[in-house]
Amino acid sequence: MTQDDRHRPNGNNIVARGALSDRLDSIGWALFLIWIGFAVLIDIGWGWGLLGIAVIILGAAALRRKWGLKIEGFWLVIGAMFLAGGLWELFRVPFPLAPVLIIFCGLAVLWGALRGQHLMKK
């Protein structure tokens, strides 16, 4: 049994999966609050601050995938937006990010509709 197997609940143990998911959520929120506190305390700037948040969100999603837990698309999109915002700020891109993100989200919805997948649920 490897170390990863000890932390990965088997398919029959739904309670352990729920507990692991809840623990991961709590750790993610704790890291988020700690990161925000440090970022403000040492004034690292918006770019690095947003990148740190993206790493926390996308890192939690990667762990969920590794451990066989449900990954919510919403958090992947939010993580990607924080990543884009951080990189946008660090590279000092001369035009605003919000319109680009809005266009990207519109294209994603259109792509899903054309493929028969409804990204926007009623």
C-alpha atoms as a PDB file:
ATOM      1  CA  MET A   1       0.000   0.000   0.000  1.00  0.00           C
ATOM      2  CA  THR A   2       1.459   3.351  -1.025  1.00  0.00           C
ATOM      3  CA  GLN A   3       1.088   6.554   0.924  1.00  0.00           C
ATOM      4  CA  ASP A   4      -1.407   7.873  -1.665  1.00  0.00           C
ATOM      5  CA  ASP A   5      -3.548   4.735  -1.262  1.00  0.00           C
ATOM      6  CA  ARG A   6      -3.889   5.364   2.473  1.00  0.00           C
ATOM      7  CA  HIS A   7      -5.379   8.799   1.780  1.00  0.00           C
ATOM      8  CA  ARG A   8      -7.568   7.698  -1.119  1.00  0.00           C
ATOM      9  CA  PRO A   9     -10.867   6.263   0.100  1.00  0.00           C
ATOM     10  CA  ASN A  10     -12.112   3.218  -1.779  1.00  0.00           C
ATOM     11  CA  GLY A  11     -15.291   3.414  -3.839  1.00  0.00           C
ATOM     12  CA  ASN A  12     -17.352   1.693  -1.117  1.00  0.00           C
ATOM     13  CA  ASN A  13     -16.537   4.189   1.602  1.00  0.00           C
ATOM     14  CA  ILE A  14     -18.669   7.239   0.793  1.00  0.00           C
ATOM     15  CA  VAL A  15     -18.358   8.638   4.318  1.00  0.00           C
ATOM     16  CA  ALA A  16     -14.550   8.698   4.045  1.00  0.00           C
ATOM     17  CA  ARG A  17     -14.810  10.412   0.657  1.00  0.00           C
ATOM     18  CA  GLY A  18     -17.071  13.085   2.111  1.00  0.00           C
ATOM     19  CA  ALA A  19     -14.773  13.591   5.087  1.00  0.00           C
ATOM     20  CA  LEU A  20     -11.735  13.881   2.811  1.00  0.00           C
ATOM     21  CA  SER A  21     -13.564  16.364   0.593  1.00  0.00           C
ATOM     22  CA  ASP A  22     -14.603  18.448   3.611  1.00  0.00           C
ATOM     23  CA  ARG A  23     -11.057  18.384   5.005  1.00  0.00           C
ATOM     24  CA  LEU A  24      -9.626  19.485   1.660  1.00  0.00           C
ATOM     25  CA  ASP A  25     -12.156  22.344   1.502  1.00  0.00           C
ATOM     26  CA  SER A  26     -11.189  23.479   5.020  1.00  0.00           C
ATOM     27  CA  ILE A  27      -7.480  23.343   4.197  1.00  0.00           C
ATOM     28  CA  GLY A  28      -8.101  25.323   1.008  1.00  0.00           C
ATOM     29  CA  TRP A  29      -9.959  28.069   2.882  1.00  0.00           C
ATOM     30  CA  ALA A  30      -7.271  28.154   5.568  1.00  0.00           C
ATOM     31  CA  LEU A  31      -4.524  28.525   2.943  1.00  0.00           C
ATOM     32  CA  PHE A  32      -6.562  31.226   1.189  1.00  0.00           C
ATOM     33  CA  LEU A  33      -6.912  33.278   4.380  1.00  0.00           C
ATOM     34  CA  ILE A  34      -3.254  32.797   5.326  1.00  0.00           C
ATOM     35  CA  TRP A  35      -2.148  33.784   1.809  1.00  0.00           C
ATOM     36  CA  ILE A  36      -4.327  36.915   1.792  1.00  0.00           C
ATOM     37  CA  GLY A  37      -2.967  37.911   5.210  1.00  0.00           C
ATOM     38  CA  PHE A  38       0.659  37.511   4.101  1.00  0.00           C
ATOM     39  CA  ALA A  39       0.029  39.177   0.747  1.00  0.00           C
ATOM     40  CA  VAL A  40      -1.421  42.259   2.426  1.00  0.00           C
ATOM     41  CA  LEU A  41       1.129  42.257   5.262  1.00  0.00           C
ATOM     42  CA  ILE A  42       4.180  42.190   2.980  1.00  0.00           C
ATOM     43  CA  ASP A  43       2.498  44.109   0.129  1.00  0.00           C
ATOM     44  CA  ILE A  44       3.465  41.725  -2.685  1.00  0.00           C
ATOM     45  CA  GLY A  45       1.178  43.381  -5.220  1.00  0.00           C
ATOM     46  CA  TRP A  46      -1.895  42.311  -7.136  1.00  0.00           C
ATOM     47  CA  GLY A  47      -0.132  40.093  -9.646  1.00  0.00           C
ATOM     48  CA  TRP A  48       1.537  37.782  -7.126  1.00  0.00           C
ATOM     49  CA  GLY A  49      -1.520  37.901  -4.869  1.00  0.00           C
ATOM     50  CA  LEU A  50      -3.824  36.701  -7.634  1.00  0.00           C
ATOM     51  CA  LEU A  51      -1.343  34.040  -8.729  1.00  0.00           C
ATOM     52  CA  GLY A  52      -1.175  32.700  -5.171  1.00  0.00           C
ATOM     53  CA  ILE A  53      -4.963  32.396  -5.045  1.00  0.00           C
ATOM     54  CA  ALA A  54      -4.932  30.612  -8.417  1.00  0.00           C
ATOM     55  CA  VAL A  55      -2.329  28.134  -7.138  1.00  0.00           C
ATOM     56  CA  ILE A  56      -4.474  27.356  -4.081  1.00  0.00           C
ATOM     57  CA  ILE A  57      -7.677  26.846  -6.103  1.00  0.00           C
ATOM     58  CA  LEU A  58      -6.102  24.867  -8.944  1.00  0.00           C
ATOM     59  CA  GLY A  59      -3.925  22.896  -6.517  1.00  0.00           C
ATOM     60  CA  ALA A  60      -7.018  21.808  -4.589  1.00  0.00           C
ATOM     61  CA  ALA A  61      -8.652  20.753  -7.876  1.00  0.00           C
ATOM     62  CA  ALA A  62      -5.556  18.725  -8.787  1.00  0.00           C
ATOM     63  CA  LEU A  63      -5.663  16.970  -5.406  1.00  0.00           C
ATOM     64  CA  ARG A  64      -9.365  16.253  -5.867  1.00  0.00           C
ATOM     65  CA  ARG A  65      -8.608  14.628  -9.190  1.00  0.00           C
ATOM     66  CA  LYS A  66      -5.704  12.636  -7.778  1.00  0.00           C
ATOM     67  CA  TRP A  67      -7.832  11.359  -4.897  1.00  0.00           C
ATOM     68  CA  GLY A  68     -10.867  10.583  -7.065  1.00  0.00           C
ATOM     69  CA  LEU A  69     -13.083  13.319  -5.608  1.00  0.00           C
ATOM     70  CA  LYS A  70     -15.607  15.394  -7.542  1.00  0.00           C
ATOM     71  CA  ILE A  71     -14.121  18.418  -9.294  1.00  0.00           C
ATOM     72  CA  GLU A  72     -16.458  21.354  -9.798  1.00  0.00           C
ATOM     73  CA  GLY A  73     -16.031  23.178 -13.084  1.00  0.00           C
ATOM     74  CA  PHE A  74     -16.924  26.457 -11.391  1.00  0.00           C
ATOM     75  CA  TRP A  75     -13.727  26.371  -9.298  1.00  0.00           C
ATOM     76  CA  LEU A  76     -11.619  25.487 -12.334  1.00  0.00           C
ATOM     77  CA  VAL A  77     -12.985  28.568 -14.121  1.00  0.00           C
ATOM     78  CA  ILE A  78     -12.435  30.761 -11.057  1.00  0.00           C
ATOM     79  CA  GLY A  79      -8.881  29.434 -10.663  1.00  0.00           C
ATOM     80  CA  ALA A  80      -8.176  30.082 -14.340  1.00  0.00           C
ATOM     81  CA  MET A  81      -9.519  33.631 -14.005  1.00  0.00           C
ATOM     82  CA  PHE A  82      -7.282  34.334 -11.001  1.00  0.00           C
ATOM     83  CA  LEU A  83      -4.354  32.884 -12.956  1.00  0.00           C
ATOM     84  CA  ALA A  84      -5.141  35.083 -15.954  1.00  0.00           C
ATOM     85  CA  GLY A  85      -5.568  38.150 -13.731  1.00  0.00           C
ATOM     86  CA  GLY A  86      -2.259  37.528 -11.976  1.00  0.00           C
ATOM     87  CA  LEU A  87      -0.341  37.012 -15.206  1.00  0.00           C
ATOM     88  CA  TRP A  88      -2.099  40.016 -16.764  1.00  0.00           C
ATOM     89  CA  GLU A  89      -0.922  42.181 -13.892  1.00  0.00           C
ATOM     90  CA  LEU A  90       2.631  40.793 -13.761  1.00  0.00           C
ATOM     91  CA  PHE A  91       3.177  41.212 -17.503  1.00  0.00           C
ATOM     92  CA  ARG A  92       1.480  44.618 -17.460  1.00  0.00           C
ATOM     93  CA  VAL A  93      -0.718  43.871 -20.470  1.00  0.00           C
ATOM     94  CA  PRO A  94      -1.801  47.276 -21.809  1.00  0.00           C
ATOM     95  CA  PHE A  95      -5.507  46.554 -22.378  1.00  0.00           C
ATOM     96  CA  PRO A  96      -8.202  45.638 -19.824  1.00  0.00           C
ATOM     97  CA  LEU A  97      -8.694  42.000 -18.797  1.00  0.00           C
ATOM     98  CA  ALA A  98     -12.439  42.046 -18.034  1.00  0.00           C
ATOM     99  CA  PRO A  99     -13.627  42.355 -21.667  1.00  0.00           C
ATOM    100  CA  VAL A 100     -11.298  39.523 -22.711  1.00  0.00           C
ATOM    101  CA  LEU A 101     -12.633  37.259 -19.937  1.00  0.00           C
ATOM    102  CA  ILE A 102     -16.238  38.113 -20.819  1.00  0.00           C
ATOM    103  CA  ILE A 103     -15.597  37.274 -24.484  1.00  0.00           C
ATOM    104  CA  PHE A 104     -13.872  34.026 -23.461  1.00  0.00           C
ATOM    105  CA  CYS A 105     -16.810  33.023 -21.249  1.00  0.00           C
ATOM    106  CA  GLY A 106     -19.250  33.802 -24.069  1.00  0.00           C
ATOM    107  CA  LEU A 107     -17.218  31.677 -26.486  1.00  0.00           C
ATOM    108  CA  ALA A 108     -17.183  28.811 -23.966  1.00  0.00           C
ATOM    109  CA  VAL A 109     -20.976  28.926 -23.626  1.00  0.00           C
ATOM    110  CA  LEU A 110     -21.374  29.090 -27.418  1.00  0.00           C
ATOM    111  CA  TRP A 111     -18.965  26.178 -27.913  1.00  0.00           C
ATOM    112  CA  GLY A 112     -20.902  24.077 -25.395  1.00  0.00           C
ATOM    113  CA  ALA A 113     -24.234  24.926 -27.029  1.00  0.00           C
ATOM    114  CA  LEU A 114     -22.913  23.997 -30.473  1.00  0.00           C
ATOM    115  CA  ARG A 115     -21.656  20.675 -29.081  1.00  0.00           C
ATOM    116  CA  GLY A 116     -25.006  19.979 -27.414  1.00  0.00           C
ATOM    117  CA  GLN A 117     -23.765  20.579 -23.885  1.00  0.00           C
ATOM    118  CA  HIS A 118     -25.547  23.185 -21.840  1.00  0.00           C
ATOM    119  CA  LEU A 119     -23.063  25.060 -19.679  1.00  0.00           C
ATOM    120  CA  MET A 120     -25.764  27.401 -18.417  1.00  0.00           C
ATOM    121  CA  LYS A 121     -28.309  25.368 -16.440  1.00  0.00           C
ATOM    122  CA  LYS A 122     -31.853  26.597 -15.888  1.00  0.00           C
END
